[in-house]
Amino acid sequence: MALMIIDTCVNCAVCEPECPNGAISEAESIYVIDPDKCTECVGYFTASQCIDVCPVECIVPNPQRTETREELQRKFEVLLASPS
């Protein structure tokens, strides 16, 4: 399941550089996660790095993007093979 940032985000920016897939970017009032790029760090780490560094716990599973660990692994492999 991809992650999402909820409106309690304080725009601290600590999550953005932690994302190995470049899925996090600054939006108008909060940061956002591109669900097509988010693998919950599967393929890189055992835990989601953005969740680990978020000081206000505003990063949660996206209920609109339910994905199994295997699907996240396949997404990681596709992203790794695709040129940026």
N, C-alpha and C. Protein backbone atom coordinates (compact mmCIF):
# COMPACT_ATOMS: atom_id res chain seq x y z
N MET A 1 0.86 -1.17 0.00
CA MET A 1 0.00 0.00 0.00
C MET A 1 0.90 1.22 0.00
N ALA A 2 0.62 2.15 -0.87
CA ALA A 2 1.37 3.39 -0.89
C ALA A 2 1.02 4.21 0.34
N LEU A 3 1.89 5.14 0.66
CA LEU A 3 1.67 6.00 1.81
C LEU A 3 1.11 7.34 1.35
N MET A 4 0.58 8.09 2.30
CA MET A 4 0.11 9.44 2.00
C MET A 4 0.39 10.34 3.20
N ILE A 5 0.45 11.63 2.94
CA ILE A 5 0.69 12.61 3.99
C ILE A 5 -0.63 13.33 4.25
N ILE A 6 -1.03 13.35 5.52
CA ILE A 6 -2.30 13.98 5.87
C ILE A 6 -2.08 15.44 6.26
N ASP A 7 -3.19 16.15 6.44
CA ASP A 7 -3.14 17.60 6.61
C ASP A 7 -2.52 18.09 7.92
N THR A 8 -2.08 17.19 8.77
CA THR A 8 -1.36 17.64 9.96
C THR A 8 0.12 17.89 9.68
N CYS A 9 0.53 17.70 8.43
CA CYS A 9 1.90 17.97 8.00
C CYS A 9 2.25 19.42 8.32
N VAL A 10 3.45 19.64 8.85
CA VAL A 10 3.90 20.99 9.21
C VAL A 10 4.95 21.53 8.23
N ASN A 11 5.10 20.88 7.09
CA ASN A 11 6.05 21.33 6.06
C ASN A 11 7.49 21.42 6.56
N CYS A 12 7.90 20.50 7.38
CA CYS A 12 9.26 20.54 7.92
C CYS A 12 10.30 20.06 6.91
N ALA A 13 9.87 19.32 5.91
CA ALA A 13 10.72 18.86 4.80
C ALA A 13 11.69 17.72 5.15
N VAL A 14 11.61 17.15 6.32
CA VAL A 14 12.56 16.08 6.64
C VAL A 14 12.29 14.79 5.88
N CYS A 15 11.06 14.58 5.43
CA CYS A 15 10.71 13.35 4.73
C CYS A 15 11.23 13.31 3.29
N GLU A 16 11.22 14.43 2.62
CA GLU A 16 11.54 14.47 1.19
C GLU A 16 12.89 13.84 0.85
N PRO A 17 13.98 14.23 1.49
CA PRO A 17 15.26 13.63 1.11
C PRO A 17 15.42 12.17 1.54
N GLU A 18 14.55 11.69 2.41
CA GLU A 18 14.64 10.30 2.88
C GLU A 18 14.06 9.30 1.89
N CYS A 19 13.24 9.75 0.95
CA CYS A 19 12.56 8.84 0.02
C CYS A 19 13.51 8.38 -1.08
N PRO A 20 13.83 7.09 -1.13
CA PRO A 20 14.75 6.60 -2.16
C PRO A 20 14.15 6.61 -3.56
N ASN A 21 12.84 6.71 -3.66
CA ASN A 21 12.18 6.70 -4.97
C ASN A 21 11.84 8.10 -5.48
N GLY A 22 12.10 9.12 -4.70
CA GLY A 22 11.75 10.48 -5.10
C GLY A 22 10.25 10.68 -5.18
N ALA A 23 9.50 9.97 -4.35
CA ALA A 23 8.04 10.03 -4.39
C ALA A 23 7.46 11.20 -3.62
N ILE A 24 8.26 11.86 -2.79
CA ILE A 24 7.75 12.94 -1.94
C ILE A 24 8.16 14.28 -2.52
N SER A 25 7.17 15.18 -2.59
CA SER A 25 7.45 16.53 -3.09
C SER A 25 6.60 17.55 -2.34
N GLU A 26 7.04 18.79 -2.42
CA GLU A 26 6.32 19.86 -1.75
C GLU A 26 5.14 20.30 -2.61
N ALA A 27 3.99 20.41 -2.00
CA ALA A 27 2.80 20.90 -2.69
C ALA A 27 2.48 22.28 -2.13
N GLU A 28 1.27 22.74 -2.36
CA GLU A 28 0.90 24.09 -1.96
C GLU A 28 1.02 24.33 -0.45
N SER A 29 0.43 23.45 0.35
CA SER A 29 0.46 23.69 1.79
C SER A 29 1.09 22.56 2.60
N ILE A 30 1.19 21.38 2.03
CA ILE A 30 1.83 20.24 2.70
C ILE A 30 2.63 19.45 1.68
N TYR A 31 3.43 18.53 2.16
CA TYR A 31 4.14 17.64 1.26
C TYR A 31 3.18 16.54 0.79
N VAL A 32 3.46 15.96 -0.37
CA VAL A 32 2.61 14.91 -0.93
C VAL A 32 3.48 13.74 -1.37
N ILE A 33 2.86 12.57 -1.46
CA ILE A 33 3.54 11.37 -1.91
C ILE A 33 2.87 10.89 -3.18
N ASP A 34 3.67 10.69 -4.23
CA ASP A 34 3.17 10.14 -5.49
C ASP A 34 2.98 8.64 -5.29
N PRO A 35 1.73 8.15 -5.29
CA PRO A 35 1.50 6.73 -5.02
C PRO A 35 2.08 5.81 -6.09
N ASP A 36 2.32 6.33 -7.28
CA ASP A 36 2.91 5.51 -8.34
C ASP A 36 4.39 5.27 -8.10
N LYS A 37 5.01 6.09 -7.27
CA LYS A 37 6.44 5.93 -6.96
C LYS A 37 6.69 5.37 -5.57
N CYS A 38 5.69 5.39 -4.70
CA CYS A 38 5.88 4.94 -3.33
C CYS A 38 5.85 3.41 -3.24
N THR A 39 6.93 2.85 -2.71
CA THR A 39 7.01 1.41 -2.46
C THR A 39 7.11 1.12 -0.96
N GLU A 40 6.85 2.13 -0.14
CA GLU A 40 7.04 2.01 1.32
C GLU A 40 8.46 1.56 1.63
N CYS A 41 9.38 1.93 0.78
CA CYS A 41 10.81 1.62 0.88
C CYS A 41 11.13 0.15 0.66
N VAL A 42 10.14 -0.64 0.21
CA VAL A 42 10.40 -2.04 -0.16
C VAL A 42 11.46 -2.03 -1.26
N GLY A 43 12.45 -2.87 -1.11
CA GLY A 43 13.56 -2.93 -2.06
C GLY A 43 14.77 -2.16 -1.57
N TYR A 44 14.56 -1.24 -0.64
CA TYR A 44 15.65 -0.44 -0.11
C TYR A 44 15.87 -0.68 1.39
N PHE A 45 14.79 -0.59 2.16
CA PHE A 45 14.88 -0.67 3.61
C PHE A 45 13.79 -1.58 4.16
N THR A 46 13.91 -1.96 5.41
CA THR A 46 12.89 -2.80 6.04
C THR A 46 11.75 -1.98 6.62
N ALA A 47 11.93 -0.67 6.73
CA ALA A 47 10.89 0.22 7.24
C ALA A 47 10.80 1.47 6.36
N SER A 48 9.65 2.07 6.33
CA SER A 48 9.45 3.30 5.55
C SER A 48 10.21 4.44 6.20
N GLN A 49 11.18 4.95 5.47
CA GLN A 49 12.06 5.98 6.01
C GLN A 49 11.33 7.28 6.34
N CYS A 50 10.35 7.65 5.54
CA CYS A 50 9.63 8.90 5.79
C CYS A 50 8.86 8.83 7.10
N ILE A 51 8.27 7.68 7.38
CA ILE A 51 7.53 7.50 8.63
C ILE A 51 8.50 7.60 9.81
N ASP A 52 9.67 7.00 9.66
CA ASP A 52 10.65 7.00 10.74
C ASP A 52 11.12 8.41 11.12
N VAL A 53 11.20 9.32 10.15
CA VAL A 53 11.72 10.66 10.45
C VAL A 53 10.65 11.71 10.70
N CYS A 54 9.41 11.41 10.41
CA CYS A 54 8.34 12.41 10.54
C CYS A 54 8.12 12.78 12.02
N PRO A 55 8.28 14.06 12.36
CA PRO A 55 8.12 14.46 13.76
C PRO A 55 6.67 14.59 14.22
N VAL A 56 5.72 14.64 13.30
CA VAL A 56 4.32 14.82 13.69
C VAL A 56 3.43 13.63 13.31
N GLU A 57 4.05 12.55 12.85
CA GLU A 57 3.32 11.32 12.52
C GLU A 57 2.15 11.56 11.57
N CYS A 58 2.44 12.26 10.48
CA CYS A 58 1.38 12.58 9.51
C CYS A 58 1.45 11.72 8.26
N ILE A 59 2.27 10.69 8.25
CA ILE A 59 2.38 9.81 7.09
C ILE A 59 1.71 8.48 7.44
N VAL A 60 0.69 8.16 6.64
CA VAL A 60 -0.16 7.00 6.93
C VAL A 60 -0.38 6.19 5.65
N PRO A 61 -0.84 4.95 5.78
CA PRO A 61 -1.19 4.17 4.59
C PRO A 61 -2.31 4.84 3.80
N ASN A 62 -2.19 4.81 2.49
CA ASN A 62 -3.20 5.38 1.60
C ASN A 62 -4.28 4.32 1.35
N PRO A 63 -5.49 4.52 1.87
CA PRO A 63 -6.53 3.50 1.72
C PRO A 63 -6.98 3.30 0.27
N GLN A 64 -6.65 4.25 -0.60
CA GLN A 64 -7.01 4.13 -2.01
C GLN A 64 -6.00 3.30 -2.81
N ARG A 65 -4.86 2.97 -2.19
CA ARG A 65 -3.80 2.24 -2.88
C ARG A 65 -3.35 1.02 -2.09
N THR A 66 -4.22 0.05 -1.94
CA THR A 66 -3.89 -1.17 -1.23
C THR A 66 -3.00 -2.03 -2.12
N GLU A 67 -1.80 -2.33 -1.62
CA GLU A 67 -0.84 -3.15 -2.37
C GLU A 67 -0.17 -4.13 -1.41
N THR A 68 0.04 -5.34 -1.89
CA THR A 68 0.75 -6.33 -1.08
C THR A 68 2.25 -6.04 -1.14
N ARG A 69 2.98 -6.68 -0.26
CA ARG A 69 4.44 -6.54 -0.26
C ARG A 69 5.01 -7.00 -1.61
N GLU A 70 4.42 -8.04 -2.19
CA GLU A 70 4.88 -8.52 -3.50
C GLU A 70 4.62 -7.48 -4.59
N GLU A 71 3.47 -6.83 -4.54
CA GLU A 71 3.18 -5.77 -5.51
C GLU A 71 4.12 -4.59 -5.33
N LEU A 72 4.43 -4.25 -4.09
CA LEU A 72 5.39 -3.17 -3.84
C LEU A 72 6.78 -3.54 -4.35
N GLN A 73 7.15 -4.81 -4.21
CA GLN A 73 8.44 -5.28 -4.72
C GLN A 73 8.48 -5.17 -6.24
N ARG A 74 7.40 -5.55 -6.91
CA ARG A 74 7.34 -5.44 -8.37
C ARG A 74 7.41 -3.97 -8.80
N LYS A 75 6.72 -3.09 -8.08
CA LYS A 75 6.77 -1.66 -8.39
C LYS A 75 8.20 -1.14 -8.24
N PHE A 76 8.88 -1.57 -7.18
CA PHE A 76 10.29 -1.20 -6.96
C PHE A 76 11.14 -1.63 -8.15
N GLU A 77 10.96 -2.87 -8.61
CA GLU A 77 11.75 -3.38 -9.72
C GLU A 77 11.49 -2.60 -11.01
N VAL A 78 10.25 -2.23 -11.25
CA VAL A 78 9.91 -1.43 -12.44
C VAL A 78 10.52 -0.04 -12.34
N LEU A 79 10.41 0.57 -11.16
CA LEU A 79 11.00 1.90 -10.98
C LEU A 79 12.51 1.87 -11.11
N LEU A 80 13.14 0.82 -10.61
CA LEU A 80 14.59 0.69 -10.68
C LEU A 80 15.05 0.55 -12.13
N ALA A 81 14.25 -0.16 -12.94
CA ALA A 81 14.61 -0.39 -14.34
C ALA A 81 14.30 0.80 -15.24
N SER A 82 13.40 1.68 -14.79
CA SER A 82 12.98 2.83 -15.60
C SER A 82 13.94 3.98 -15.45
N PRO A 83 14.29 4.62 -16.57
CA PRO A 83 15.12 5.83 -16.45
C PRO A 83 14.29 6.95 -15.81
N SER A 84 14.93 7.77 -15.02
CA SER A 84 14.22 8.85 -14.30
C SER A 84 13.67 9.89 -15.21
